[in-house]
């Protein structure tokens, strides 16, 4: 009888441990919110970056815009792949706030465009750093948290580069 109880106890511990491992792959509301917001952010960065690459007058602004297109396109593909794997969808649109910002930027030219674009990049990347830190702290899905952890240094570098360009304008 003692052997049976010991075996049952060991099985309970093993199943609990396995169940905990599975929890790392469950998606919680923080993961869902993160995928939605990070996806909208990636798409907005690509659109604004395309605008800056063509409309910007300062060489650093144009290069930064092209960098945003390249890096956020790749980041969005990675996020979409991870999201699909865990049963989430990553939208390919932008939110109303960024649509309005794109319309505003599209109406500017020269120095006004360059400064408005770079200032919006500083603001957007600061918000995105907070978003990624929240996912790292509160997300449950290992793959989605890993995405946030891997991409956060790039987002911080984008913020720092935009701030450097702003100071040089």
C-alpha atoms as a PDB file:
ATOM      1  CA  UNK A   1       0.000   0.000   0.000  1.00  0.00           C
ATOM      2  CA  UNK A   2       2.845   2.401   0.837  1.00  0.00           C
ATOM      3  CA  UNK A   3       4.473   1.688  -2.547  1.00  0.00           C
ATOM      4  CA  UNK A   4       1.210   2.451  -4.311  1.00  0.00           C
ATOM      5  CA  UNK A   5       0.801   5.749  -2.424  1.00  0.00           C
ATOM      6  CA  UNK A   6       4.420   6.674  -3.159  1.00  0.00           C
ATOM      7  CA  UNK A   7       3.922   5.869  -6.854  1.00  0.00           C
ATOM      8  CA  UNK A   8       0.706   7.900  -6.934  1.00  0.00           C
ATOM      9  CA  UNK A   9       2.440  10.837  -5.255  1.00  0.00           C
ATOM     10  CA  UNK A  10       5.320  10.708  -7.736  1.00  0.00           C
ATOM     11  CA  UNK A  11       2.883  10.599 -10.649  1.00  0.00           C
ATOM     12  CA  UNK A  12       1.065  13.651  -9.260  1.00  0.00           C
ATOM     13  CA  UNK A  13       4.350  15.532  -8.999  1.00  0.00           C
ATOM     14  CA  UNK A  14       5.359  14.554 -12.542  1.00  0.00           C
ATOM     15  CA  UNK A  15       1.965  15.540 -13.981  1.00  0.00           C
ATOM     16  CA  UNK A  16       2.052  18.830 -12.106  1.00  0.00           C
ATOM     17  CA  UNK A  17       5.543  19.555 -13.400  1.00  0.00           C
ATOM     18  CA  UNK A  18       4.486  18.734 -16.955  1.00  0.00           C
ATOM     19  CA  UNK A  19       1.384  20.837 -16.552  1.00  0.00           C
ATOM     20  CA  UNK A  20       3.541  23.784 -15.424  1.00  0.00           C
ATOM     21  CA  UNK A  21       5.700  23.416 -18.548  1.00  0.00           C
ATOM     22  CA  UNK A  22       2.547  23.547 -20.655  1.00  0.00           C
ATOM     23  CA  UNK A  23       1.518  26.759 -18.870  1.00  0.00           C
ATOM     24  CA  UNK A  24       4.531  28.478 -20.409  1.00  0.00           C
ATOM     25  CA  UNK A  25       2.858  28.008 -23.786  1.00  0.00           C
ATOM     26  CA  UNK A  26      -0.620  29.132 -22.761  1.00  0.00           C
ATOM     27  CA  UNK A  27      -1.643  32.520 -24.027  1.00  0.00           C
ATOM     28  CA  UNK A  28      -2.954  35.037 -21.513  1.00  0.00           C
ATOM     29  CA  UNK A  29      -4.539  38.459 -22.025  1.00  0.00           C
ATOM     30  CA  UNK A  30      -1.132  40.173 -21.790  1.00  0.00           C
ATOM     31  CA  UNK A  31       0.107  38.024 -24.698  1.00  0.00           C
ATOM     32  CA  UNK A  32      -3.016  38.744 -26.773  1.00  0.00           C
ATOM     33  CA  UNK A  33      -2.799  42.481 -26.115  1.00  0.00           C
ATOM     34  CA  UNK A  34       0.919  42.488 -26.852  1.00  0.00           C
ATOM     35  CA  UNK A  35       0.559  40.710 -30.200  1.00  0.00           C
ATOM     36  CA  UNK A  36      -2.176  43.142 -31.249  1.00  0.00           C
ATOM     37  CA  UNK A  37      -0.340  46.294 -30.140  1.00  0.00           C
ATOM     38  CA  UNK A  38       3.130  45.205 -31.321  1.00  0.00           C
ATOM     39  CA  UNK A  39       1.693  44.265 -34.696  1.00  0.00           C
ATOM     40  CA  UNK A  40      -0.059  47.617 -35.089  1.00  0.00           C
ATOM     41  CA  UNK A  41       3.184  49.315 -34.055  1.00  0.00           C
ATOM     42  CA  UNK A  42       5.293  47.352 -36.555  1.00  0.00           C
ATOM     43  CA  UNK A  43       2.868  48.196 -39.353  1.00  0.00           C
ATOM     44  CA  UNK A  44       2.850  51.887 -38.385  1.00  0.00           C
ATOM     45  CA  UNK A  45       6.660  51.982 -38.348  1.00  0.00           C
ATOM     46  CA  UNK A  46       6.819  50.450 -41.819  1.00  0.00           C
ATOM     47  CA  UNK A  47       4.311  52.957 -43.224  1.00  0.00           C
ATOM     48  CA  UNK A  48       5.919  55.988 -41.583  1.00  0.00           C
ATOM     49  CA  UNK A  49       9.368  54.725 -42.528  1.00  0.00           C
ATOM     50  CA  UNK A  50       8.354  54.465 -46.182  1.00  0.00           C
ATOM     51  CA  UNK A  51       7.103  58.026 -46.006  1.00  0.00           C
ATOM     52  CA  UNK A  52      10.350  59.236 -44.394  1.00  0.00           C
ATOM     53  CA  UNK A  53      12.499  57.380 -46.912  1.00  0.00           C
ATOM     54  CA  UNK A  54      10.757  59.200 -49.772  1.00  0.00           C
ATOM     55  CA  UNK A  55       9.701  62.544 -48.236  1.00  0.00           C
ATOM     56  CA  UNK A  56      12.533  63.188 -45.832  1.00  0.00           C
ATOM     57  CA  UNK A  57      15.014  65.906 -46.785  1.00  0.00           C
ATOM     58  CA  UNK A  58      17.683  65.166 -44.184  1.00  0.00           C
ATOM     59  CA  UNK A  59      19.891  62.205 -45.153  1.00  0.00           C
ATOM     60  CA  UNK A  60      19.818  60.776 -41.606  1.00  0.00           C
ATOM     61  CA  UNK A  61      16.016  60.953 -41.548  1.00  0.00           C
ATOM     62  CA  UNK A  62      15.795  59.168 -44.908  1.00  0.00           C
ATOM     63  CA  UNK A  63      18.229  56.443 -43.787  1.00  0.00           C
ATOM     64  CA  UNK A  64      16.401  56.033 -40.471  1.00  0.00           C
ATOM     65  CA  UNK A  65      13.098  55.688 -42.316  1.00  0.00           C
ATOM     66  CA  UNK A  66      14.528  52.962 -44.534  1.00  0.00           C
ATOM     67  CA  UNK A  67      15.943  51.197 -41.472  1.00  0.00           C
ATOM     68  CA  UNK A  68      12.474  51.260 -39.878  1.00  0.00           C
ATOM     69  CA  UNK A  69      10.975  49.703 -43.012  1.00  0.00           C
ATOM     70  CA  UNK A  70      13.571  46.908 -43.093  1.00  0.00           C
ATOM     71  CA  UNK A  71      13.681  46.085 -39.393  1.00  0.00           C
ATOM     72  CA  UNK A  72       9.968  46.388 -38.632  1.00  0.00           C
ATOM     73  CA  UNK A  73       9.030  44.353 -41.731  1.00  0.00           C
ATOM     74  CA  UNK A  74      11.258  41.536 -40.464  1.00  0.00           C
ATOM     75  CA  UNK A  75       9.975  41.958 -36.900  1.00  0.00           C
ATOM     76  CA  UNK A  76       6.372  41.782 -38.115  1.00  0.00           C
ATOM     77  CA  UNK A  77       7.046  38.585 -40.076  1.00  0.00           C
ATOM     78  CA  UNK A  78       8.593  37.027 -36.942  1.00  0.00           C
ATOM     79  CA  UNK A  79       5.686  38.160 -34.756  1.00  0.00           C
ATOM     80  CA  UNK A  80       3.099  36.913 -37.249  1.00  0.00           C
ATOM     81  CA  UNK A  81       4.794  33.506 -37.374  1.00  0.00           C
ATOM     82  CA  UNK A  82       4.938  33.176 -33.590  1.00  0.00           C
ATOM     83  CA  UNK A  83       1.377  34.428 -33.170  1.00  0.00           C
ATOM     84  CA  UNK A  84       0.027  31.953 -35.725  1.00  0.00           C
ATOM     85  CA  UNK A  85       1.825  29.106 -33.974  1.00  0.00           C
ATOM     86  CA  UNK A  86      -0.006  29.856 -30.707  1.00  0.00           C
ATOM     87  CA  UNK A  87      -3.395  30.518 -32.309  1.00  0.00           C
ATOM     88  CA  UNK A  88      -3.316  34.319 -32.447  1.00  0.00           C
ATOM     89  CA  UNK A  89      -3.487  36.640 -35.413  1.00  0.00           C
ATOM     90  CA  UNK A  90      -1.275  39.656 -35.994  1.00  0.00           C
ATOM     91  CA  UNK A  91      -3.191  42.344 -37.880  1.00  0.00           C
ATOM     92  CA  UNK A  92      -1.719  43.891 -41.012  1.00  0.00           C
ATOM     93  CA  UNK A  93      -3.303  47.295 -40.412  1.00  0.00           C
ATOM     94  CA  UNK A  94      -2.561  50.391 -38.376  1.00  0.00           C
ATOM     95  CA  UNK A  95      -4.709  52.005 -35.711  1.00  0.00           C
ATOM     96  CA  UNK A  96      -6.635  55.273 -36.047  1.00  0.00           C
ATOM     97  CA  UNK A  97      -3.976  57.254 -34.154  1.00  0.00           C
ATOM     98  CA  UNK A  98      -1.258  56.237 -36.607  1.00  0.00           C
ATOM     99  CA  UNK A  99      -3.515  56.748 -39.637  1.00  0.00           C
ATOM    100  CA  UNK A 100      -4.078  60.331 -38.466  1.00  0.00           C
ATOM    101  CA  UNK A 101      -0.339  60.758 -37.863  1.00  0.00           C
ATOM    102  CA  UNK A 102       0.432  59.484 -41.369  1.00  0.00           C
ATOM    103  CA  UNK A 103      -2.046  61.950 -42.872  1.00  0.00           C
ATOM    104  CA  UNK A 104      -0.481  64.770 -40.852  1.00  0.00           C
ATOM    105  CA  UNK A 105       3.054  63.812 -41.894  1.00  0.00           C
ATOM    106  CA  UNK A 106       1.992  63.463 -45.507  1.00  0.00           C
ATOM    107  CA  UNK A 107       0.917  67.108 -45.486  1.00  0.00           C
ATOM    108  CA  UNK A 108       4.354  68.311 -44.338  1.00  0.00           C
ATOM    109  CA  UNK A 109       7.578  68.831 -46.236  1.00  0.00           C
ATOM    110  CA  UNK A 110      11.196  69.781 -45.655  1.00  0.00           C
ATOM    111  CA  UNK A 111      12.415  70.525 -42.154  1.00  0.00           C
ATOM    112  CA  UNK A 112       8.841  70.428 -40.802  1.00  0.00           C
ATOM    113  CA  UNK A 113       8.411  66.858 -42.029  1.00  0.00           C
ATOM    114  CA  UNK A 114      11.819  65.739 -40.760  1.00  0.00           C
ATOM    115  CA  UNK A 115      11.292  67.091 -37.251  1.00  0.00           C
ATOM    116  CA  UNK A 116       7.672  65.906 -36.964  1.00  0.00           C
ATOM    117  CA  UNK A 117       8.638  62.415 -38.152  1.00  0.00           C
ATOM    118  CA  UNK A 118      11.613  62.094 -35.782  1.00  0.00           C
ATOM    119  CA  UNK A 119       9.618  63.464 -32.837  1.00  0.00           C
ATOM    120  CA  UNK A 120       6.862  60.934 -33.536  1.00  0.00           C
ATOM    121  CA  UNK A 121       9.483  58.174 -33.672  1.00  0.00           C
ATOM    122  CA  UNK A 122      10.801  59.130 -30.244  1.00  0.00           C
ATOM    123  CA  UNK A 123       7.284  59.107 -28.792  1.00  0.00           C
ATOM    124  CA  UNK A 124       6.280  55.848 -30.503  1.00  0.00           C
ATOM    125  CA  UNK A 125       9.437  53.976 -29.544  1.00  0.00           C
ATOM    126  CA  UNK A 126       9.166  55.120 -25.918  1.00  0.00           C
ATOM    127  CA  UNK A 127       5.621  53.706 -25.818  1.00  0.00           C
ATOM    128  CA  UNK A 128       6.832  50.526 -27.490  1.00  0.00           C
ATOM    129  CA  UNK A 129       9.604  50.020 -24.917  1.00  0.00           C
ATOM    130  CA  UNK A 130       6.905  50.109 -22.227  1.00  0.00           C
ATOM    131  CA  UNK A 131       4.747  47.663 -24.204  1.00  0.00           C
ATOM    132  CA  UNK A 132       7.618  45.190 -24.583  1.00  0.00           C
ATOM    133  CA  UNK A 133       8.618  45.446 -20.919  1.00  0.00           C
ATOM    134  CA  UNK A 134       5.008  44.742 -19.934  1.00  0.00           C
ATOM    135  CA  UNK A 135       4.978  41.607 -22.076  1.00  0.00           C
ATOM    136  CA  UNK A 136       8.277  40.430 -20.621  1.00  0.00           C
ATOM    137  CA  UNK A 137       6.893  40.904 -17.085  1.00  0.00           C
ATOM    138  CA  UNK A 138       3.297  39.745 -17.561  1.00  0.00           C
ATOM    139  CA  UNK A 139       3.163  37.554 -20.654  1.00  0.00           C
ATOM    140  CA  UNK A 140       2.633  33.842 -20.233  1.00  0.00           C
ATOM    141  CA  UNK A 141       3.529  32.387 -23.615  1.00  0.00           C
ATOM    142  CA  UNK A 142       7.202  31.553 -23.854  1.00  0.00           C
ATOM    143  CA  UNK A 143       7.495  32.252 -27.586  1.00  0.00           C
ATOM    144  CA  UNK A 144       5.753  35.632 -27.387  1.00  0.00           C
ATOM    145  CA  UNK A 145       7.776  36.665 -24.306  1.00  0.00           C
ATOM    146  CA  UNK A 146      10.933  35.563 -26.115  1.00  0.00           C
ATOM    147  CA  UNK A 147      10.010  37.784 -29.073  1.00  0.00           C
ATOM    148  CA  UNK A 148       9.660  40.762 -26.721  1.00  0.00           C
ATOM    149  CA  UNK A 149      12.969  39.967 -25.026  1.00  0.00           C
ATOM    150  CA  UNK A 150      14.816  39.562 -28.341  1.00  0.00           C
ATOM    151  CA  UNK A 151      13.383  42.689 -29.970  1.00  0.00           C
ATOM    152  CA  UNK A 152      13.506  45.079 -26.990  1.00  0.00           C
ATOM    153  CA  UNK A 153      17.191  46.031 -27.507  1.00  0.00           C
ATOM    154  CA  UNK A 154      16.387  46.918 -31.132  1.00  0.00           C
ATOM    155  CA  UNK A 155      13.451  49.095 -30.063  1.00  0.00           C
ATOM    156  CA  UNK A 156      15.681  50.861 -27.538  1.00  0.00           C
ATOM    157  CA  UNK A 157      18.315  51.390 -30.229  1.00  0.00           C
ATOM    158  CA  UNK A 158      15.655  52.859 -32.545  1.00  0.00           C
ATOM    159  CA  UNK A 159      14.637  55.270 -29.781  1.00  0.00           C
ATOM    160  CA  UNK A 160      18.258  56.291 -29.144  1.00  0.00           C
ATOM    161  CA  UNK A 161      18.969  56.768 -32.867  1.00  0.00           C
ATOM    162  CA  UNK A 162      15.843  58.905 -33.341  1.00  0.00           C
ATOM    163  CA  UNK A 163      16.792  61.018 -30.328  1.00  0.00           C
ATOM    164  CA  UNK A 164      20.293  61.482 -31.742  1.00  0.00           C
ATOM    165  CA  UNK A 165      18.894  62.572 -35.105  1.00  0.00           C
ATOM    166  CA  UNK A 166      16.479  64.976 -33.395  1.00  0.00           C
ATOM    167  CA  UNK A 167      19.355  66.639 -31.559  1.00  0.00           C
ATOM    168  CA  UNK A 168      21.285  67.009 -34.834  1.00  0.00           C
ATOM    169  CA  UNK A 169      18.381  68.543 -36.811  1.00  0.00           C
END
